[in-house]
Amino acid sequence: MSEVMTIGEPMVNLIADSNETYLEARTLPRQMAGAEFNVAIGVTRQGHSVSYVTTLGQDWQGDLILDYMRGIGIDTSNIRRTSGAATGYQLKVRSSDGEPKVVYFRSGSAASQTAPDIVDGIDFDGVRILHVTGIFSALTDNTYSTVSRLMDAAHAHGVTVLFDPNPRPTLWPSREAMIEATNRLAAKCDVFMPGLEEGQLFSGVSAPRDIARFYLDMGVGKVIIKLGDEGSALFERDDNGGIRQTAVPSFTVDVVDTVGAGDGFASGVITALLEGLDSEHLLERANAVGAIQVTSVSDSEGLPTAEELRAFIASAPRKKLSL
C-alpha cells in the first residue's frame, strides 16, 4: 500500500496559456487540478507513494484523470465511479499579476456525492500520513462526514493526520459555520497547516505564536503557519510544556502563477515528515517546493522531482524573515 493517502476532488483544468480571454483563446490545453490532486502529484514527484480517495463520473473527464493518476503511479484502488453525476472541471486564464482567473464547473459533481461508507473499504496497511483539506469537507454534509470518519479511521490505525484548512467561504452557509466546522476537524489532526490569515480567521487571534497556542491547546502536535512568500514557521510543545518555534525564510523567484503554491508546500511537509527531517529542513523543503511551483502556469506541472528540489535549495537566493 501507499505511504500517503489523500481525499479530494480531482478535476480537469483547461488553461488559456497566455493573457488571452476565453473568447480570444483558440486552444485550451488539458492539465490536472484540485488542491489534493496537486499535493498527490508533488508527493509522487519526490519519490513517495500516494493513494487517492474520491468519486469520479463515468465520463471523459473521469477517464482522463484515472489515466493520468495511473500513469504517474498514484494508487486508484479507493476511487469509486458513478454514472449519476459528472466529474468536475475548471477553466483558467493567466493574468499579469500572477493571480489567475478561474471558473469552476463542479456543482453537484461526482466527487461531491462521496459518502462516508467509502471509508469502510479502505486498507490502511502501510499508510503513514493522511492529508485532508477544508475544501473537500466543505462540498456537502456527506463529504464533511466522510473526511471526519476517514480521520478517525486513520488515527485508529496509527496514521499521522495532516490538515490544511484551505478555506472556501462560498462553499459554506456562513462564516461562523465554516469556522466551527473547520476547528472541529483541526482538533482531530496531528499537524495543522494554515496560512497566517487563515489561522487568524479560525483562531480569532493575530500573532503566529498565539494562533499556534490556540491549536496546540486543542491537542494538535505541530502547527505550521505559512507566512505568504516570506517563509513559514513551525510551533510545537517542548519537553517542559512551552512552545518551541522554528522559522525559515522562503526563496526569491519570478512569480508566474500563484495557484498551487500552498499545495506544493504541503507536499514538501509530507515528504519531509516521511523522511524524518528536522523542523528547519522540513520548512526549507516546503518553502522550496512552494516557490518552485509559482514559476509555472500549471497548478502542478512545476512541482519538482527530488533531484530538482535539491538543486534549487542549493542554489536559489533566500529572503529575510523576521517573526
C-alpha atoms as a PDB file:
ATOM      1  CA  MET A   1       0.000   0.000   0.000  1.00  0.00           C
ATOM      2  CA  SER A   2       0.939   3.670  -0.266  1.00  0.00           C
ATOM      3  CA  GLU A   3       2.773   5.752   2.324  1.00  0.00           C
ATOM      4  CA  VAL A   4       0.389   8.690   1.902  1.00  0.00           C
ATOM      5  CA  MET A   5      -3.374   8.885   1.460  1.00  0.00           C
ATOM      6  CA  THR A   6      -5.418  11.918   0.459  1.00  0.00           C
ATOM      7  CA  ILE A   7      -9.087  12.587  -0.248  1.00  0.00           C
ATOM      8  CA  GLY A   8     -10.375  15.305  -2.540  1.00  0.00           C
ATOM      9  CA  GLU A   9     -11.891  16.364  -5.831  1.00  0.00           C
ATOM     10  CA  PRO A  10      -9.577  15.950  -8.816  1.00  0.00           C
ATOM     11  CA  MET A  11     -10.568  17.993 -11.862  1.00  0.00           C
ATOM     12  CA  VAL A  12      -9.507  18.529 -15.443  1.00  0.00           C
ATOM     13  CA  ASN A  13      -8.006  22.009 -15.885  1.00  0.00           C
ATOM     14  CA  LEU A  14      -8.444  23.745 -19.248  1.00  0.00           C
ATOM     15  CA  ILE A  15      -5.883  26.561 -19.468  1.00  0.00           C
ATOM     16  CA  ALA A  16      -5.622  29.546 -21.768  1.00  0.00           C
ATOM     17  CA  ASP A  17      -1.820  29.629 -21.539  1.00  0.00           C
ATOM     18  CA  SER A  18      -1.480  33.355 -22.201  1.00  0.00           C
ATOM     19  CA  ASN A  19      -3.144  36.606 -21.176  1.00  0.00           C
ATOM     20  CA  GLU A  20      -5.989  35.960 -23.613  1.00  0.00           C
ATOM     21  CA  THR A  21      -9.607  35.883 -22.531  1.00  0.00           C
ATOM     22  CA  TYR A  22     -11.661  32.724 -23.064  1.00  0.00           C
ATOM     23  CA  LEU A  23     -13.227  34.334 -26.148  1.00  0.00           C
ATOM     24  CA  GLU A  24      -9.801  35.078 -27.634  1.00  0.00           C
ATOM     25  CA  ALA A  25      -8.184  31.727 -26.800  1.00  0.00           C
ATOM     26  CA  ARG A  26      -8.089  29.219 -29.671  1.00  0.00           C
ATOM     27  CA  THR A  27      -6.546  26.349 -27.703  1.00  0.00           C
ATOM     28  CA  LEU A  28      -7.155  25.161 -24.142  1.00  0.00           C
ATOM     29  CA  PRO A  29      -4.507  22.601 -23.124  1.00  0.00           C
ATOM     30  CA  ARG A  30      -5.732  19.988 -20.658  1.00  0.00           C
ATOM     31  CA  GLN A  31      -3.971  19.560 -17.346  1.00  0.00           C
ATOM     32  CA  MET A  32      -4.943  18.320 -13.890  1.00  0.00           C
ATOM     33  CA  ALA A  33      -6.273  20.388 -10.984  1.00  0.00           C
ATOM     34  CA  GLY A  34      -7.592  20.130  -7.446  1.00  0.00           C
ATOM     35  CA  ALA A  35      -5.710  21.014  -4.270  1.00  0.00           C
ATOM     36  CA  GLU A  36      -5.384  17.450  -3.007  1.00  0.00           C
ATOM     37  CA  PHE A  37      -4.509  16.221  -6.504  1.00  0.00           C
ATOM     38  CA  ASN A  38      -1.687  18.785  -6.638  1.00  0.00           C
ATOM     39  CA  VAL A  39      -0.384  17.504  -3.312  1.00  0.00           C
ATOM     40  CA  ALA A  40      -0.527  13.903  -4.514  1.00  0.00           C
ATOM     41  CA  ILE A  41       1.426  14.812  -7.655  1.00  0.00           C
ATOM     42  CA  GLY A  42       4.026  16.657  -5.590  1.00  0.00           C
ATOM     43  CA  VAL A  43       4.499  13.687  -3.275  1.00  0.00           C
ATOM     44  CA  THR A  44       4.964  11.242  -6.163  1.00  0.00           C
ATOM     45  CA  ARG A  45       7.469  13.537  -7.873  1.00  0.00           C
ATOM     46  CA  GLN A  46       9.548  13.479  -4.700  1.00  0.00           C
ATOM     47  CA  GLY A  47       9.681   9.694  -4.807  1.00  0.00           C
ATOM     48  CA  HIS A  48       6.905   8.639  -2.426  1.00  0.00           C
ATOM     49  CA  SER A  49       3.697   6.667  -2.957  1.00  0.00           C
ATOM     50  CA  VAL A  50       0.152   8.040  -2.710  1.00  0.00           C
ATOM     51  CA  SER A  51      -3.369   6.616  -2.637  1.00  0.00           C
ATOM     52  CA  TYR A  52      -6.311   8.820  -3.666  1.00  0.00           C
ATOM     53  CA  VAL A  53      -9.855   8.585  -2.280  1.00  0.00           C
ATOM     54  CA  THR A  54     -12.721  10.128  -4.266  1.00  0.00           C
ATOM     55  CA  THR A  55     -15.631   9.542  -6.631  1.00  0.00           C
ATOM     56  CA  LEU A  56     -15.399  10.197 -10.385  1.00  0.00           C
ATOM     57  CA  GLY A  57     -18.075  10.249 -13.044  1.00  0.00           C
ATOM     58  CA  GLN A  58     -18.344   7.707 -15.845  1.00  0.00           C
ATOM     59  CA  ASP A  59     -17.214  10.341 -18.360  1.00  0.00           C
ATOM     60  CA  TRP A  60     -14.193  11.511 -20.345  1.00  0.00           C
ATOM     61  CA  GLN A  61     -13.007  13.722 -17.503  1.00  0.00           C
ATOM     62  CA  GLY A  62     -13.008  10.776 -15.095  1.00  0.00           C
ATOM     63  CA  ASP A  63     -11.252   8.565 -17.643  1.00  0.00           C
ATOM     64  CA  LEU A  64      -8.606  11.231 -18.240  1.00  0.00           C
ATOM     65  CA  ILE A  65      -7.959  11.694 -14.522  1.00  0.00           C
ATOM     66  CA  LEU A  66      -7.667   7.948 -13.889  1.00  0.00           C
ATOM     67  CA  ASP A  67      -5.293   7.502 -16.819  1.00  0.00           C
ATOM     68  CA  TYR A  68      -3.128  10.362 -15.545  1.00  0.00           C
ATOM     69  CA  MET A  69      -3.075   9.043 -11.984  1.00  0.00           C
ATOM     70  CA  ARG A  70      -2.137   5.539 -13.064  1.00  0.00           C
ATOM     71  CA  GLY A  71       0.499   6.913 -15.412  1.00  0.00           C
ATOM     72  CA  ILE A  72       2.359   8.623 -12.573  1.00  0.00           C
ATOM     73  CA  GLY A  73       1.843   5.820 -10.070  1.00  0.00           C
ATOM     74  CA  ILE A  74      -0.981   7.140  -7.869  1.00  0.00           C
ATOM     75  CA  ASP A  75      -2.983   4.269  -6.344  1.00  0.00           C
ATOM     76  CA  THR A  76      -6.592   4.476  -7.588  1.00  0.00           C
ATOM     77  CA  SER A  77      -7.993   1.464  -5.749  1.00  0.00           C
ATOM     78  CA  ASN A  78     -10.025   3.721  -3.418  1.00  0.00           C
ATOM     79  CA  ILE A  79     -11.741   5.634  -6.235  1.00  0.00           C
ATOM     80  CA  ARG A  80     -15.398   4.984  -6.999  1.00  0.00           C
ATOM     81  CA  ARG A  81     -17.134   5.690 -10.333  1.00  0.00           C
ATOM     82  CA  THR A  82     -20.729   6.839 -10.755  1.00  0.00           C
ATOM     83  CA  SER A  83     -22.981   7.357 -13.740  1.00  0.00           C
ATOM     84  CA  GLY A  84     -25.247   9.676 -11.756  1.00  0.00           C
ATOM     85  CA  ALA A  85     -23.027  12.793 -11.817  1.00  0.00           C
ATOM     86  CA  ALA A  86     -20.242  14.343 -13.865  1.00  0.00           C
ATOM     87  CA  THR A  87     -16.587  14.794 -12.943  1.00  0.00           C
ATOM     88  CA  GLY A  88     -15.815  18.443 -12.221  1.00  0.00           C
ATOM     89  CA  TYR A  89     -13.564  20.598 -14.390  1.00  0.00           C
ATOM     90  CA  GLN A  90     -12.327  24.185 -14.461  1.00  0.00           C
ATOM     91  CA  LEU A  91     -11.203  26.885 -16.887  1.00  0.00           C
ATOM     92  CA  LYS A  92      -8.225  29.103 -16.077  1.00  0.00           C
ATOM     93  CA  VAL A  93      -6.753  32.213 -17.722  1.00  0.00           C
ATOM     94  CA  ARG A  94      -3.400  33.696 -16.724  1.00  0.00           C
ATOM     95  CA  SER A  95      -3.042  37.287 -15.552  1.00  0.00           C
ATOM     96  CA  SER A  96      -0.054  39.603 -15.326  1.00  0.00           C
ATOM     97  CA  ASP A  97      -0.167  39.810 -11.503  1.00  0.00           C
ATOM     98  CA  GLY A  98       0.186  36.045 -11.020  1.00  0.00           C
ATOM     99  CA  GLU A  99      -3.401  35.653  -9.759  1.00  0.00           C
ATOM    100  CA  PRO A 100      -5.234  33.703 -12.493  1.00  0.00           C
ATOM    101  CA  LYS A 101      -8.922  33.931 -13.295  1.00  0.00           C
ATOM    102  CA  VAL A 102     -10.636  30.574 -12.654  1.00  0.00           C
ATOM    103  CA  VAL A 103     -14.172  29.418 -13.471  1.00  0.00           C
ATOM    104  CA  TYR A 104     -15.361  26.164 -11.858  1.00  0.00           C
ATOM    105  CA  PHE A 105     -17.819  23.598 -13.213  1.00  0.00           C
ATOM    106  CA  ARG A 106     -18.202  21.393 -10.140  1.00  0.00           C
ATOM    107  CA  SER A 107     -21.647  21.981  -8.624  1.00  0.00           C
ATOM    108  CA  GLY A 108     -23.265  18.602  -7.942  1.00  0.00           C
ATOM    109  CA  SER A 109     -20.155  16.819  -9.161  1.00  0.00           C
ATOM    110  CA  ALA A 110     -19.418  13.127  -8.695  1.00  0.00           C
ATOM    111  CA  ALA A 111     -16.847  13.897  -6.018  1.00  0.00           C
ATOM    112  CA  SER A 112     -19.405  15.872  -4.009  1.00  0.00           C
ATOM    113  CA  GLN A 113     -21.501  12.704  -3.777  1.00  0.00           C
ATOM    114  CA  THR A 114     -18.783  10.732  -1.985  1.00  0.00           C
ATOM    115  CA  ALA A 115     -20.379   9.069   1.061  1.00  0.00           C
ATOM    116  CA  PRO A 116     -18.856   8.076   4.432  1.00  0.00           C
ATOM    117  CA  ASP A 117     -19.189   4.364   3.686  1.00  0.00           C
ATOM    118  CA  ILE A 118     -16.272   4.685   1.245  1.00  0.00           C
ATOM    119  CA  VAL A 119     -14.039   4.659   4.337  1.00  0.00           C
ATOM    120  CA  ASP A 120     -15.218   1.190   5.335  1.00  0.00           C
ATOM    121  CA  GLY A 121     -13.417  -0.462   2.433  1.00  0.00           C
ATOM    122  CA  ILE A 122     -10.065   1.306   2.843  1.00  0.00           C
ATOM    123  CA  ASP A 123      -6.966  -0.705   3.730  1.00  0.00           C
ATOM    124  CA  PHE A 124      -4.574   1.406   5.836  1.00  0.00           C
ATOM    125  CA  ASP A 125      -1.733  -1.117   5.687  1.00  0.00           C
ATOM    126  CA  GLY A 126       1.479   0.823   5.049  1.00  0.00           C
ATOM    127  CA  VAL A 127      -0.156   4.263   5.193  1.00  0.00           C
ATOM    128  CA  ARG A 128       1.851   6.672   7.350  1.00  0.00           C
ATOM    129  CA  ILE A 129       0.254  10.051   6.604  1.00  0.00           C
ATOM    130  CA  LEU A 130      -3.306  11.097   5.761  1.00  0.00           C
ATOM    131  CA  HIS A 131      -3.626  14.512   4.097  1.00  0.00           C
ATOM    132  CA  VAL A 132      -7.007  16.282   4.133  1.00  0.00           C
ATOM    133  CA  THR A 133      -8.171  19.827   3.358  1.00  0.00           C
ATOM    134  CA  GLY A 134     -11.100  22.059   4.153  1.00  0.00           C
ATOM    135  CA  ILE A 135     -12.139  22.131   0.502  1.00  0.00           C
ATOM    136  CA  PHE A 136     -13.464  18.594   0.126  1.00  0.00           C
ATOM    137  CA  SER A 137     -15.049  18.663   3.577  1.00  0.00           C
ATOM    138  CA  ALA A 138     -16.981  21.814   2.582  1.00  0.00           C
ATOM    139  CA  LEU A 139     -18.642  20.374  -0.533  1.00  0.00           C
ATOM    140  CA  THR A 140     -21.606  18.668   1.196  1.00  0.00           C
ATOM    141  CA  ASP A 141     -22.620  17.310   4.586  1.00  0.00           C
ATOM    142  CA  ASN A 142     -21.699  13.865   3.260  1.00  0.00           C
ATOM    143  CA  THR A 143     -18.165  14.852   2.246  1.00  0.00           C
ATOM    144  CA  TYR A 144     -17.635  16.503   5.640  1.00  0.00           C
ATOM    145  CA  SER A 145     -18.762  13.325   7.386  1.00  0.00           C
ATOM    146  CA  THR A 146     -16.543  11.286   5.066  1.00  0.00           C
ATOM    147  CA  VAL A 147     -13.461  13.349   5.917  1.00  0.00           C
ATOM    148  CA  SER A 148     -14.238  13.180   9.645  1.00  0.00           C
ATOM    149  CA  ARG A 149     -14.697   9.392   9.530  1.00  0.00           C
ATOM    150  CA  LEU A 150     -11.513   8.979   7.493  1.00  0.00           C
ATOM    151  CA  MET A 151      -9.523  10.977  10.057  1.00  0.00           C
ATOM    152  CA  ASP A 152     -10.876   8.810  12.877  1.00  0.00           C
ATOM    153  CA  ALA A 153     -10.094   5.617  10.972  1.00  0.00           C
ATOM    154  CA  ALA A 154      -6.577   6.830  10.206  1.00  0.00           C
ATOM    155  CA  HIS A 155      -5.894   7.528  13.872  1.00  0.00           C
ATOM    156  CA  ALA A 156      -7.216   4.104  14.792  1.00  0.00           C
ATOM    157  CA  HIS A 157      -4.526   2.662  12.508  1.00  0.00           C
ATOM    158  CA  GLY A 158      -1.720   4.842  13.908  1.00  0.00           C
ATOM    159  CA  VAL A 159      -1.615   7.153  10.874  1.00  0.00           C
ATOM    160  CA  THR A 160      -0.452  10.787  11.242  1.00  0.00           C
ATOM    161  CA  VAL A 161      -3.182  13.192  10.068  1.00  0.00           C
ATOM    162  CA  LEU A 162      -2.221  16.460   8.366  1.00  0.00           C
ATOM    163  CA  PHE A 163      -4.974  19.058   7.864  1.00  0.00           C
ATOM    164  CA  ASP A 164      -4.705  22.089   5.562  1.00  0.00           C
ATOM    165  CA  PRO A 165      -7.841  24.232   6.130  1.00  0.00           C
ATOM    166  CA  ASN A 166      -7.634  25.861   2.654  1.00  0.00           C
ATOM    167  CA  PRO A 167     -10.918  27.744   3.264  1.00  0.00           C
ATOM    168  CA  ARG A 168     -13.535  28.297   0.549  1.00  0.00           C
ATOM    169  CA  PRO A 169     -16.128  30.605   2.189  1.00  0.00           C
ATOM    170  CA  THR A 170     -18.550  30.351  -0.762  1.00  0.00           C
ATOM    171  CA  LEU A 171     -18.982  26.637  -0.053  1.00  0.00           C
ATOM    172  CA  TRP A 172     -20.284  27.262   3.477  1.00  0.00           C
ATOM    173  CA  PRO A 173     -23.669  28.653   4.617  1.00  0.00           C
ATOM    174  CA  SER A 174     -21.915  31.244   6.802  1.00  0.00           C
ATOM    175  CA  ARG A 175     -18.511  32.358   8.060  1.00  0.00           C
ATOM    176  CA  GLU A 176     -19.421  31.122  11.538  1.00  0.00           C
ATOM    177  CA  ALA A 177     -20.351  27.673  10.225  1.00  0.00           C
ATOM    178  CA  MET A 178     -17.049  27.439   8.357  1.00  0.00           C
ATOM    179  CA  ILE A 179     -15.010  28.389  11.430  1.00  0.00           C
ATOM    180  CA  GLU A 180     -16.820  25.969  13.735  1.00  0.00           C
ATOM    181  CA  ALA A 181     -16.663  23.044  11.297  1.00  0.00           C
ATOM    182  CA  THR A 182     -13.011  23.682  10.443  1.00  0.00           C
ATOM    183  CA  ASN A 183     -11.962  23.788  14.078  1.00  0.00           C
ATOM    184  CA  ARG A 184     -13.773  20.513  14.774  1.00  0.00           C
ATOM    185  CA  LEU A 185     -11.601  18.877  12.119  1.00  0.00           C
ATOM    186  CA  ALA A 186      -8.491  20.690  13.356  1.00  0.00           C
ATOM    187  CA  ALA A 187      -8.992  19.163  16.798  1.00  0.00           C
ATOM    188  CA  LYS A 188      -8.723  15.711  15.167  1.00  0.00           C
ATOM    189  CA  CYS A 189      -5.411  16.320  13.363  1.00  0.00           C
ATOM    190  CA  ASP A 190      -1.762  15.873  14.313  1.00  0.00           C
ATOM    191  CA  VAL A 191      -0.376  18.590  12.027  1.00  0.00           C
ATOM    192  CA  PHE A 192      -2.411  21.747  11.327  1.00  0.00           C
ATOM    193  CA  MET A 193      -1.164  23.874   8.449  1.00  0.00           C
ATOM    194  CA  PRO A 194      -2.949  27.219   7.927  1.00  0.00           C
ATOM    195  CA  GLY A 195      -1.776  30.335   6.174  1.00  0.00           C
ATOM    196  CA  LEU A 196      -1.356  33.306   8.508  1.00  0.00           C
ATOM    197  CA  GLU A 197      -4.653  34.959   7.537  1.00  0.00           C
ATOM    198  CA  GLU A 198      -6.415  31.604   7.731  1.00  0.00           C
ATOM    199  CA  GLY A 199      -5.020  30.993  11.191  1.00  0.00           C
ATOM    200  CA  GLN A 200      -6.183  34.440  12.288  1.00  0.00           C
ATOM    201  CA  LEU A 201      -9.668  33.772  10.901  1.00  0.00           C
ATOM    202  CA  PHE A 202     -10.105  30.382  12.556  1.00  0.00           C
ATOM    203  CA  SER A 203      -8.460  31.128  15.915  1.00  0.00           C
ATOM    204  CA  GLY A 204      -9.593  34.732  16.417  1.00  0.00           C
ATOM    205  CA  VAL A 205      -6.076  35.854  17.398  1.00  0.00           C
ATOM    206  CA  SER A 206      -3.423  37.645  15.345  1.00  0.00           C
ATOM    207  CA  ALA A 207       0.139  36.699  16.242  1.00  0.00           C
ATOM    208  CA  PRO A 208       1.540  33.437  14.809  1.00  0.00           C
ATOM    209  CA  ARG A 209       2.576  32.213  18.247  1.00  0.00           C
ATOM    210  CA  ASP A 210      -0.914  32.858  19.645  1.00  0.00           C
ATOM    211  CA  ILE A 211      -2.504  31.049  16.701  1.00  0.00           C
ATOM    212  CA  ALA A 212      -0.212  28.118  17.365  1.00  0.00           C
ATOM    213  CA  ARG A 213      -1.061  28.108  21.076  1.00  0.00           C
ATOM    214  CA  PHE A 214      -4.786  28.030  20.258  1.00  0.00           C
ATOM    215  CA  TYR A 215      -4.360  24.778  18.308  1.00  0.00           C
ATOM    216  CA  LEU A 216      -1.657  23.223  20.479  1.00  0.00           C
ATOM    217  CA  ASP A 217      -4.062  23.642  23.406  1.00  0.00           C
ATOM    218  CA  MET A 218      -6.591  21.606  21.381  1.00  0.00           C
ATOM    219  CA  GLY A 219      -4.088  18.742  21.297  1.00  0.00           C
ATOM    220  CA  VAL A 220      -2.595  19.322  17.834  1.00  0.00           C
ATOM    221  CA  GLY A 221       1.022  18.109  17.756  1.00  0.00           C
ATOM    222  CA  LYS A 222       2.512  20.578  15.251  1.00  0.00           C
ATOM    223  CA  VAL A 223       1.195  23.866  13.891  1.00  0.00           C
ATOM    224  CA  ILE A 224       2.858  25.002  10.662  1.00  0.00           C
ATOM    225  CA  ILE A 225       1.960  28.533   9.574  1.00  0.00           C
ATOM    226  CA  LYS A 226       2.569  29.687   6.000  1.00  0.00           C
ATOM    227  CA  LEU A 227       3.724  33.314   6.020  1.00  0.00           C
ATOM    228  CA  GLY A 228       2.964  34.145   2.386  1.00  0.00           C
ATOM    229  CA  ASP A 229       6.003  34.456   0.152  1.00  0.00           C
ATOM    230  CA  GLU A 230       8.224  35.347   3.121  1.00  0.00           C
ATOM    231  CA  GLY A 231       8.570  31.856   4.575  1.00  0.00           C
ATOM    232  CA  SER A 232       6.965  29.685   7.236  1.00  0.00           C
ATOM    233  CA  ALA A 233       7.086  28.798  10.914  1.00  0.00           C
ATOM    234  CA  LEU A 234       6.550  25.597  12.899  1.00  0.00           C
ATOM    235  CA  PHE A 235       5.365  25.505  16.513  1.00  0.00           C
ATOM    236  CA  GLU A 236       5.246  22.531  18.875  1.00  0.00           C
ATOM    237  CA  ARG A 237       5.406  21.830  22.600  1.00  0.00           C
ATOM    238  CA  ASP A 238       8.818  21.256  24.154  1.00  0.00           C
ATOM    239  CA  ASP A 239       9.511  18.780  26.969  1.00  0.00           C
ATOM    240  CA  ASN A 240       8.617  21.389  29.594  1.00  0.00           C
ATOM    241  CA  GLY A 241       5.269  22.275  28.054  1.00  0.00           C
ATOM    242  CA  GLY A 242       6.474  25.500  26.483  1.00  0.00           C
ATOM    243  CA  ILE A 243       6.198  26.375  22.811  1.00  0.00           C
ATOM    244  CA  ARG A 244       9.195  25.736  20.578  1.00  0.00           C
ATOM    245  CA  GLN A 245       9.335  27.835  17.403  1.00  0.00           C
ATOM    246  CA  THR A 246      11.243  27.300  14.161  1.00  0.00           C
ATOM    247  CA  ALA A 247      11.034  29.906  11.379  1.00  0.00           C
ATOM    248  CA  VAL A 248      12.651  29.624   7.931  1.00  0.00           C
ATOM    249  CA  PRO A 249      12.643  32.193   5.084  1.00  0.00           C
ATOM    250  CA  SER A 250      11.488  31.347   1.580  1.00  0.00           C
ATOM    251  CA  PHE A 251      13.286  31.802  -1.755  1.00  0.00           C
ATOM    252  CA  THR A 252      13.365  34.590  -4.325  1.00  0.00           C
ATOM    253  CA  VAL A 253      11.743  33.554  -7.640  1.00  0.00           C
ATOM    254  CA  ASP A 254       9.909  35.138 -10.574  1.00  0.00           C
ATOM    255  CA  VAL A 255       6.193  34.540  -9.975  1.00  0.00           C
ATOM    256  CA  VAL A 256       4.127  33.347 -12.938  1.00  0.00           C
ATOM    257  CA  ASP A 257       1.055  31.778 -11.273  1.00  0.00           C
ATOM    258  CA  THR A 258       0.403  31.562  -7.534  1.00  0.00           C
ATOM    259  CA  VAL A 259      -2.100  28.687  -7.754  1.00  0.00           C
ATOM    260  CA  GLY A 260      -0.711  25.501  -6.256  1.00  0.00           C
ATOM    261  CA  ALA A 261       1.908  27.160  -4.047  1.00  0.00           C
ATOM    262  CA  GLY A 262       0.242  26.010  -0.831  1.00  0.00           C
ATOM    263  CA  ASP A 263      -0.299  22.543  -2.260  1.00  0.00           C
ATOM    264  CA  GLY A 264       3.363  22.330  -3.208  1.00  0.00           C
ATOM    265  CA  PHE A 265       4.230  23.458   0.319  1.00  0.00           C
ATOM    266  CA  ALA A 266       2.073  20.654   1.722  1.00  0.00           C
ATOM    267  CA  SER A 267       3.802  18.038  -0.432  1.00  0.00           C
ATOM    268  CA  GLY A 268       7.123  19.274   0.941  1.00  0.00           C
ATOM    269  CA  VAL A 269       5.891  18.956   4.524  1.00  0.00           C
ATOM    270  CA  ILE A 270       4.548  15.448   3.904  1.00  0.00           C
ATOM    271  CA  THR A 271       7.715  14.093   2.302  1.00  0.00           C
ATOM    272  CA  ALA A 272       9.879  15.746   4.951  1.00  0.00           C
ATOM    273  CA  LEU A 273       7.838  14.026   7.674  1.00  0.00           C
ATOM    274  CA  LEU A 274       8.166  10.693   5.870  1.00  0.00           C
ATOM    275  CA  GLU A 275      11.934  11.130   5.674  1.00  0.00           C
ATOM    276  CA  GLY A 276      12.307  12.256   9.297  1.00  0.00           C
ATOM    277  CA  LEU A 277      13.733  15.712   8.567  1.00  0.00           C
ATOM    278  CA  ASP A 278      14.129  18.120  11.483  1.00  0.00           C
ATOM    279  CA  SER A 279      11.904  21.194  11.716  1.00  0.00           C
ATOM    280  CA  GLU A 280      14.315  23.572   9.967  1.00  0.00           C
ATOM    281  CA  HIS A 281      14.897  21.307   6.981  1.00  0.00           C
ATOM    282  CA  LEU A 282      11.194  20.446   6.824  1.00  0.00           C
ATOM    283  CA  LEU A 283      10.293  24.118   6.415  1.00  0.00           C
ATOM    284  CA  GLU A 284      13.162  24.675   3.988  1.00  0.00           C
ATOM    285  CA  ARG A 285      11.872  21.896   1.749  1.00  0.00           C
ATOM    286  CA  ALA A 286       8.248  23.030   1.961  1.00  0.00           C
ATOM    287  CA  ASN A 287       9.190  26.632   1.175  1.00  0.00           C
ATOM    288  CA  ALA A 288      11.271  25.472  -1.772  1.00  0.00           C
ATOM    289  CA  VAL A 289       8.522  23.366  -3.350  1.00  0.00           C
ATOM    290  CA  GLY A 290       6.036  26.217  -2.990  1.00  0.00           C
ATOM    291  CA  ALA A 291       8.495  28.671  -4.536  1.00  0.00           C
ATOM    292  CA  ILE A 292       9.252  26.402  -7.483  1.00  0.00           C
ATOM    293  CA  GLN A 293       5.555  25.832  -8.175  1.00  0.00           C
ATOM    294  CA  VAL A 294       4.754  29.555  -8.611  1.00  0.00           C
ATOM    295  CA  THR A 295       7.226  29.760 -11.512  1.00  0.00           C
ATOM    296  CA  SER A 296       4.866  27.590 -13.641  1.00  0.00           C
ATOM    297  CA  VAL A 297       1.458  28.404 -15.161  1.00  0.00           C
ATOM    298  CA  SER A 298       0.044  24.979 -14.338  1.00  0.00           C
ATOM    299  CA  ASP A 299      -1.419  24.076 -10.940  1.00  0.00           C
ATOM    300  CA  SER A 300       1.019  21.160 -10.645  1.00  0.00           C
ATOM    301  CA  GLU A 301       3.317  20.815 -13.664  1.00  0.00           C
ATOM    302  CA  GLY A 302       6.035  22.869 -11.967  1.00  0.00           C
ATOM    303  CA  LEU A 303       6.260  20.575  -8.944  1.00  0.00           C
ATOM    304  CA  PRO A 304       9.850  19.323  -8.691  1.00  0.00           C
ATOM    305  CA  THR A 305      11.458  15.914  -8.555  1.00  0.00           C
ATOM    306  CA  ALA A 306      13.684  15.159  -5.580  1.00  0.00           C
ATOM    307  CA  GLU A 307      16.776  15.926  -7.649  1.00  0.00           C
ATOM    308  CA  GLU A 308      15.378  19.236  -8.934  1.00  0.00           C
ATOM    309  CA  LEU A 309      14.409  20.160  -5.385  1.00  0.00           C
ATOM    310  CA  ARG A 310      17.902  19.525  -4.034  1.00  0.00           C
ATOM    311  CA  ALA A 311      19.474  21.611  -6.804  1.00  0.00           C
ATOM    312  CA  PHE A 312      17.064  24.504  -6.174  1.00  0.00           C
ATOM    313  CA  ILE A 313      17.705  24.541  -2.419  1.00  0.00           C
ATOM    314  CA  ALA A 314      21.448  24.541  -3.025  1.00  0.00           C
ATOM    315  CA  SER A 315      21.448  27.482  -5.442  1.00  0.00           C
ATOM    316  CA  ALA A 316      18.363  29.711  -5.069  1.00  0.00           C
ATOM    317  CA  PRO A 317      18.662  33.048  -3.200  1.00  0.00           C
ATOM    318  CA  ARG A 318      16.773  33.315   0.081  1.00  0.00           C
ATOM    319  CA  LYS A 319      14.657  36.048   1.537  1.00  0.00           C
ATOM    320  CA  LYS A 320      14.892  37.550   5.003  1.00  0.00           C
ATOM    321  CA  LEU A 321      12.282  36.651   7.577  1.00  0.00           C
ATOM    322  CA  SER A 322      11.603  38.288  10.922  1.00  0.00           C
ATOM    323  CA  LEU A 323       8.960  36.750  13.148  1.00  0.00           C
END
